[in-house]
Amino acid sequence: YAIDRRNSSRRSVAMKHTNGDKLIV
């Protein structure tokens, strides 16, 4: 997974995988 900085915020990190998964941590 890689960090998606455009969709991250101070309280959560968006992370994307090449398989299409997008997780909010």
PDB file of all heavy atoms in Angstrom:
ATOM      1  N   TYR A   1       0.845  -1.198   0.000  1.00  0.00           N
ATOM      2  CA  TYR A   1       0.000   0.000   0.000  1.00  0.00           C
ATOM      3  C   TYR A   1       0.880   1.247   0.000  1.00  0.00           C
ATOM      4  O   TYR A   1       1.977   1.241   0.546  1.00  0.00           O
ATOM      5  CB  TYR A   1      -0.899   0.027   1.246  1.00  0.00           C
ATOM      6  CG  TYR A   1      -2.031  -0.965   1.189  1.00  0.00           C
ATOM      7  CD1 TYR A   1      -1.822  -2.309   1.480  1.00  0.00           C
ATOM      8  CD2 TYR A   1      -3.310  -0.565   0.831  1.00  0.00           C
ATOM      9  CE1 TYR A   1      -2.859  -3.225   1.424  1.00  0.00           C
ATOM     10  CE2 TYR A   1      -4.361  -1.475   0.768  1.00  0.00           C
ATOM     11  CZ  TYR A   1      -4.122  -2.799   1.064  1.00  0.00           C
ATOM     12  OH  TYR A   1      -5.151  -3.711   0.999  1.00  0.00           O
ATOM     13  N   ALA A   2       0.358   2.302  -0.592  1.00  0.00           N
ATOM     14  CA  ALA A   2       1.069   3.580  -0.633  1.00  0.00           C
ATOM     15  C   ALA A   2       0.145   4.675  -0.106  1.00  0.00           C
ATOM     16  O   ALA A   2      -1.067   4.630  -0.301  1.00  0.00           O
ATOM     17  CB  ALA A   2       1.490   3.910  -2.061  1.00  0.00           C
ATOM     18  N   ILE A   3       0.748   5.661   0.538  1.00  0.00           N
ATOM     19  CA  ILE A   3      -0.036   6.771   1.083  1.00  0.00           C
ATOM     20  C   ILE A   3      -0.591   7.619  -0.049  1.00  0.00           C
ATOM     21  O   ILE A   3       0.115   7.967  -0.989  1.00  0.00           O
ATOM     22  CB  ILE A   3       0.826   7.630   2.024  1.00  0.00           C
ATOM     23  CG1 ILE A   3       1.203   6.828   3.268  1.00  0.00           C
ATOM     24  CG2 ILE A   3       0.100   8.913   2.415  1.00  0.00           C
ATOM     25  CD1 ILE A   3       2.141   7.546   4.214  1.00  0.00           C
ATOM     26  N   ASP A   4      -1.861   7.946   0.070  1.00  0.00           N
ATOM     27  CA  ASP A   4      -2.542   8.851  -0.856  1.00  0.00           C
ATOM     28  C   ASP A   4      -2.664  10.189  -0.126  1.00  0.00           C
ATOM     29  O   ASP A   4      -3.602  10.425   0.615  1.00  0.00           O
ATOM     30  CB  ASP A   4      -3.919   8.274  -1.204  1.00  0.00           C
ATOM     31  CG  ASP A   4      -4.736   9.190  -2.093  1.00  0.00           C
ATOM     32  OD1 ASP A   4      -4.252  10.287  -2.458  1.00  0.00           O
ATOM     33  OD2 ASP A   4      -5.881   8.811  -2.417  1.00  0.00           O
ATOM     34  N   ARG A   5      -1.681  11.040  -0.314  1.00  0.00           N
ATOM     35  CA  ARG A   5      -1.612  12.304   0.432  1.00  0.00           C
ATOM     36  C   ARG A   5      -2.793  13.231   0.149  1.00  0.00           C
ATOM     37  O   ARG A   5      -3.240  13.947   1.036  1.00  0.00           O
ATOM     38  CB  ARG A   5      -0.299  13.015   0.139  1.00  0.00           C
ATOM     39  CG  ARG A   5       0.907  12.215   0.640  1.00  0.00           C
ATOM     40  CD  ARG A   5       2.141  13.058   0.777  1.00  0.00           C
ATOM     41  NE  ARG A   5       3.305  12.254   1.083  1.00  0.00           N
ATOM     42  CZ  ARG A   5       3.598  11.778   2.276  1.00  0.00           C
ATOM     43  NH1 ARG A   5       2.807  12.008   3.291  1.00  0.00           N
ATOM     44  NH2 ARG A   5       4.690  11.052   2.468  1.00  0.00           N
ATOM     45  N   ARG A   6      -3.295  13.205  -1.073  1.00  0.00           N
ATOM     46  CA  ARG A   6      -4.420  14.084  -1.415  1.00  0.00           C
ATOM     47  C   ARG A   6      -5.676  13.766  -0.617  1.00  0.00           C
ATOM     48  O   ARG A   6      -6.493  14.644  -0.365  1.00  0.00           O
ATOM     49  CB  ARG A   6      -4.745  13.996  -2.910  1.00  0.00           C
ATOM     50  CG  ARG A   6      -3.706  14.663  -3.788  1.00  0.00           C
ATOM     51  CD  ARG A   6      -4.120  14.679  -5.249  1.00  0.00           C
ATOM     52  NE  ARG A   6      -4.418  13.316  -5.719  1.00  0.00           N
ATOM     53  CZ  ARG A   6      -5.449  13.003  -6.500  1.00  0.00           C
ATOM     54  NH1 ARG A   6      -6.269  13.920  -6.916  1.00  0.00           N
ATOM     55  NH2 ARG A   6      -5.627  11.766  -6.885  1.00  0.00           N
ATOM     56  N   ASN A   7      -5.848  12.515  -0.238  1.00  0.00           N
ATOM     57  CA  ASN A   7      -7.053  12.109   0.482  1.00  0.00           C
ATOM     58  C   ASN A   7      -6.798  11.835   1.961  1.00  0.00           C
ATOM     59  O   ASN A   7      -7.669  11.300   2.645  1.00  0.00           O
ATOM     60  CB  ASN A   7      -7.675  10.891  -0.183  1.00  0.00           C
ATOM     61  CG  ASN A   7      -8.253  11.237  -1.534  1.00  0.00           C
ATOM     62  OD1 ASN A   7      -9.066  12.150  -1.649  1.00  0.00           O
ATOM     63  ND2 ASN A   7      -7.808  10.541  -2.571  1.00  0.00           N
ATOM     64  N   SER A   8      -5.628  12.172   2.440  1.00  0.00           N
ATOM     65  CA  SER A   8      -5.301  12.011   3.852  1.00  0.00           C
ATOM     66  C   SER A   8      -5.575  13.316   4.592  1.00  0.00           C
ATOM     67  O   SER A   8      -5.684  14.377   3.978  1.00  0.00           O
ATOM     68  CB  SER A   8      -3.831  11.623   4.017  1.00  0.00           C
ATOM     69  OG  SER A   8      -3.586  10.356   3.437  1.00  0.00           O
ATOM     70  N   SER A   9      -5.670  13.226   5.900  1.00  0.00           N
ATOM     71  CA  SER A   9      -5.895  14.416   6.721  1.00  0.00           C
ATOM     72  C   SER A   9      -5.018  14.333   7.964  1.00  0.00           C
ATOM     73  O   SER A   9      -4.228  13.406   8.109  1.00  0.00           O
ATOM     74  CB  SER A   9      -7.370  14.503   7.130  1.00  0.00           C
ATOM     75  OG  SER A   9      -7.672  13.484   8.066  1.00  0.00           O
ATOM     76  N   ARG A  10      -5.177  15.279   8.860  1.00  0.00           N
ATOM     77  CA  ARG A  10      -4.391  15.259  10.097  1.00  0.00           C
ATOM     78  C   ARG A  10      -4.732  14.050  10.969  1.00  0.00           C
ATOM     79  O   ARG A  10      -3.898  13.563  11.705  1.00  0.00           O
ATOM     80  CB  ARG A  10      -4.643  16.533  10.899  1.00  0.00           C
ATOM     81  CG  ARG A  10      -4.003  17.755  10.279  1.00  0.00           C
ATOM     82  CD  ARG A  10      -4.235  18.982  11.100  1.00  0.00           C
ATOM     83  NE  ARG A  10      -3.833  18.747  12.481  1.00  0.00           N
ATOM     84  CZ  ARG A  10      -4.096  19.553  13.480  1.00  0.00           C
ATOM     85  NH1 ARG A  10      -4.763  20.664  13.270  1.00  0.00           N
ATOM     86  NH2 ARG A  10      -3.690  19.275  14.690  1.00  0.00           N
ATOM     87  N   ARG A  11      -5.958  13.579  10.883  1.00  0.00           N
ATOM     88  CA  ARG A  11      -6.412  12.495  11.750  1.00  0.00           C
ATOM     89  C   ARG A  11      -6.485  11.125  11.085  1.00  0.00           C
ATOM     90  O   ARG A  11      -6.689  10.122  11.761  1.00  0.00           O
ATOM     91  CB  ARG A  11      -7.766  12.830  12.340  1.00  0.00           C
ATOM     92  CG  ARG A  11      -7.725  14.071  13.192  1.00  0.00           C
ATOM     93  CD  ARG A  11      -8.859  14.059  14.149  1.00  0.00           C
ATOM     94  NE  ARG A  11      -8.828  15.249  14.989  1.00  0.00           N
ATOM     95  CZ  ARG A  11      -8.363  15.260  16.215  1.00  0.00           C
ATOM     96  NH1 ARG A  11      -7.883  14.173  16.736  1.00  0.00           N
ATOM     97  NH2 ARG A  11      -8.374  16.366  16.920  1.00  0.00           N
ATOM     98  N   SER A  12      -6.352  11.076   9.774  1.00  0.00           N
ATOM     99  CA  SER A  12      -6.431   9.790   9.090  1.00  0.00           C
ATOM    100  C   SER A  12      -5.520   9.778   7.869  1.00  0.00           C
ATOM    101  O   SER A  12      -5.227  10.814   7.290  1.00  0.00           O
ATOM    102  CB  SER A  12      -7.870   9.490   8.668  1.00  0.00           C
ATOM    103  OG  SER A  12      -8.315  10.423   7.725  1.00  0.00           O
ATOM    104  N   VAL A  13      -5.092   8.585   7.515  1.00  0.00           N
ATOM    105  CA  VAL A  13      -4.212   8.394   6.362  1.00  0.00           C
ATOM    106  C   VAL A  13      -4.938   7.497   5.364  1.00  0.00           C
ATOM    107  O   VAL A  13      -5.407   6.416   5.717  1.00  0.00           O
ATOM    108  CB  VAL A  13      -2.883   7.738   6.787  1.00  0.00           C
ATOM    109  CG1 VAL A  13      -1.993   7.471   5.581  1.00  0.00           C
ATOM    110  CG2 VAL A  13      -2.166   8.577   7.826  1.00  0.00           C
ATOM    111  N   ALA A  14      -5.043   7.962   4.138  1.00  0.00           N
ATOM    112  CA  ALA A  14      -5.602   7.154   3.061  1.00  0.00           C
ATOM    113  C   ALA A  14      -4.453   6.385   2.425  1.00  0.00           C
ATOM    114  O   ALA A  14      -3.400   6.950   2.145  1.00  0.00           O
ATOM    115  CB  ALA A  14      -6.290   8.041   2.034  1.00  0.00           C
ATOM    116  N   MET A  15      -4.667   5.096   2.206  1.00  0.00           N
ATOM    117  CA  MET A  15      -3.641   4.259   1.599  1.00  0.00           C
ATOM    118  C   MET A  15      -4.268   3.438   0.482  1.00  0.00           C
ATOM    119  O   MET A  15      -5.334   2.859   0.652  1.00  0.00           O
ATOM    120  CB  MET A  15      -2.986   3.368   2.652  1.00  0.00           C
ATOM    121  CG  MET A  15      -2.321   4.198   3.741  1.00  0.00           C
ATOM    122  SD  MET A  15      -1.196   3.264   4.780  1.00  0.00           S
ATOM    123  CE  MET A  15       0.183   2.998   3.687  1.00  0.00           C
ATOM    124  N   LYS A  16      -3.587   3.417  -0.662  1.00  0.00           N
ATOM    125  CA  LYS A  16      -4.085   2.706  -1.836  1.00  0.00           C
ATOM    126  C   LYS A  16      -3.166   1.542  -2.184  1.00  0.00           C
ATOM    127  O   LYS A  16      -1.962   1.602  -1.978  1.00  0.00           O
ATOM    128  CB  LYS A  16      -4.143   3.645  -3.037  1.00  0.00           C
ATOM    129  CG  LYS A  16      -5.229   4.668  -2.982  1.00  0.00           C
ATOM    130  CD  LYS A  16      -5.225   5.465  -4.284  1.00  0.00           C
ATOM    131  CE  LYS A  16      -6.378   6.424  -4.347  1.00  0.00           C
ATOM    132  NZ  LYS A  16      -6.375   7.184  -5.605  1.00  0.00           N
ATOM    133  N   HIS A  17      -3.765   0.524  -2.762  1.00  0.00           N
ATOM    134  CA  HIS A  17      -3.032  -0.633  -3.268  1.00  0.00           C
ATOM    135  C   HIS A  17      -3.280  -0.721  -4.770  1.00  0.00           C
ATOM    136  O   HIS A  17      -4.317  -0.259  -5.254  1.00  0.00           O
ATOM    137  CB  HIS A  17      -3.526  -1.906  -2.572  1.00  0.00           C
ATOM    138  CG  HIS A  17      -2.622  -3.073  -2.763  1.00  0.00           C
ATOM    139  ND1 HIS A  17      -2.662  -3.869  -3.883  1.00  0.00           N
ATOM    140  CD2 HIS A  17      -1.652  -3.574  -1.975  1.00  0.00           C
ATOM    141  CE1 HIS A  17      -1.760  -4.820  -3.773  1.00  0.00           C
ATOM    142  NE2 HIS A  17      -1.121  -4.666  -2.625  1.00  0.00           N
ATOM    143  N   THR A  18      -2.361  -1.313  -5.492  1.00  0.00           N
ATOM    144  CA  THR A  18      -2.525  -1.441  -6.944  1.00  0.00           C
ATOM    145  C   THR A  18      -3.710  -2.339  -7.306  1.00  0.00           C
ATOM    146  O   THR A  18      -4.201  -2.275  -8.422  1.00  0.00           O
ATOM    147  CB  THR A  18      -1.245  -1.999  -7.597  1.00  0.00           C
ATOM    148  OG1 THR A  18      -0.919  -3.242  -6.980  1.00  0.00           O
ATOM    149  CG2 THR A  18      -0.098  -1.018  -7.462  1.00  0.00           C
ATOM    150  N   ASN A  19      -4.190  -3.150  -6.357  1.00  0.00           N
ATOM    151  CA  ASN A  19      -5.347  -4.017  -6.629  1.00  0.00           C
ATOM    152  C   ASN A  19      -6.675  -3.260  -6.508  1.00  0.00           C
ATOM    153  O   ASN A  19      -7.736  -3.847  -6.667  1.00  0.00           O
ATOM    154  CB  ASN A  19      -5.347  -5.242  -5.721  1.00  0.00           C
ATOM    155  CG  ASN A  19      -5.623  -4.904  -4.260  1.00  0.00           C
ATOM    156  OD1 ASN A  19      -5.954  -3.775  -3.892  1.00  0.00           O
ATOM    157  ND2 ASN A  19      -5.475  -5.893  -3.399  1.00  0.00           N
ATOM    158  N   GLY A  20      -6.612  -1.958  -6.199  1.00  0.00           N
ATOM    159  CA  GLY A  20      -7.815  -1.150  -6.110  1.00  0.00           C
ATOM    160  C   GLY A  20      -8.293  -0.878  -4.690  1.00  0.00           C
ATOM    161  O   GLY A  20      -9.163  -0.047  -4.476  1.00  0.00           O
ATOM    162  N   ASP A  21      -7.743  -1.590  -3.716  1.00  0.00           N
ATOM    163  CA  ASP A  21      -8.107  -1.339  -2.322  1.00  0.00           C
ATOM    164  C   ASP A  21      -7.755   0.090  -1.936  1.00  0.00           C
ATOM    165  O   ASP A  21      -6.698   0.603  -2.321  1.00  0.00           O
ATOM    166  CB  ASP A  21      -7.328  -2.259  -1.378  1.00  0.00           C
ATOM    167  CG  ASP A  21      -8.093  -3.495  -0.962  1.00  0.00           C
ATOM    168  OD1 ASP A  21      -9.262  -3.632  -1.339  1.00  0.00           O
ATOM    169  OD2 ASP A  21      -7.500  -4.320  -0.241  1.00  0.00           O
ATOM    170  N   LYS A  22      -8.618   0.710  -1.168  1.00  0.00           N
ATOM    171  CA  LYS A  22      -8.310   2.014  -0.593  1.00  0.00           C
ATOM    172  C   LYS A  22      -8.733   1.949   0.873  1.00  0.00           C
ATOM    173  O   LYS A  22      -9.910   1.763   1.185  1.00  0.00           O
ATOM    174  CB  LYS A  22      -9.050   3.143  -1.301  1.00  0.00           C
ATOM    175  CG  LYS A  22      -8.716   4.509  -0.711  1.00  0.00           C
ATOM    176  CD  LYS A  22      -9.389   5.618  -1.491  1.00  0.00           C
ATOM    177  CE  LYS A  22      -9.060   6.966  -0.891  1.00  0.00           C
ATOM    178  NZ  LYS A  22      -9.766   8.051  -1.619  1.00  0.00           N
ATOM    179  N   LEU A  23      -7.754   2.054   1.752  1.00  0.00           N
ATOM    180  CA  LEU A  23      -7.998   1.960   3.179  1.00  0.00           C
ATOM    181  C   LEU A  23      -7.785   3.316   3.837  1.00  0.00           C
ATOM    182  O   LEU A  23      -6.872   4.050   3.464  1.00  0.00           O
ATOM    183  CB  LEU A  23      -7.058   0.938   3.827  1.00  0.00           C
ATOM    184  CG  LEU A  23      -7.054  -0.474   3.226  1.00  0.00           C
ATOM    185  CD1 LEU A  23      -6.074  -1.360   4.000  1.00  0.00           C
ATOM    186  CD2 LEU A  23      -8.428  -1.076   3.224  1.00  0.00           C
ATOM    187  N   ILE A  24      -8.613   3.606   4.822  1.00  0.00           N
ATOM    188  CA  ILE A  24      -8.443   4.791   5.649  1.00  0.00           C
ATOM    189  C   ILE A  24      -7.991   4.305   7.019  1.00  0.00           C
ATOM    190  O   ILE A  24      -8.649   3.463   7.626  1.00  0.00           O
ATOM    191  CB  ILE A  24      -9.754   5.598   5.780  1.00  0.00           C
ATOM    192  CG1 ILE A  24     -10.318   5.952   4.403  1.00  0.00           C
ATOM    193  CG2 ILE A  24      -9.531   6.828   6.651  1.00  0.00           C
ATOM    194  CD1 ILE A  24      -9.436   6.830   3.554  1.00  0.00           C
ATOM    195  N   VAL A  25      -6.854   4.818   7.479  1.00  0.00           N
ATOM    196  CA  VAL A  25      -6.250   4.371   8.729  1.00  0.00           C
ATOM    197  C   VAL A  25      -6.242   5.529   9.719  1.00  0.00           C
ATOM    198  O   VAL A  25      -5.929   6.664   9.356  1.00  0.00           O
ATOM    199  CB  VAL A  25      -4.794   3.892   8.493  1.00  0.00           C
ATOM    200  CG1 VAL A  25      -4.150   3.443   9.786  1.00  0.00           C
ATOM    201  CG2 VAL A  25      -4.760   2.784   7.453  1.00  0.00           C
TER     202      VAL A  25
END
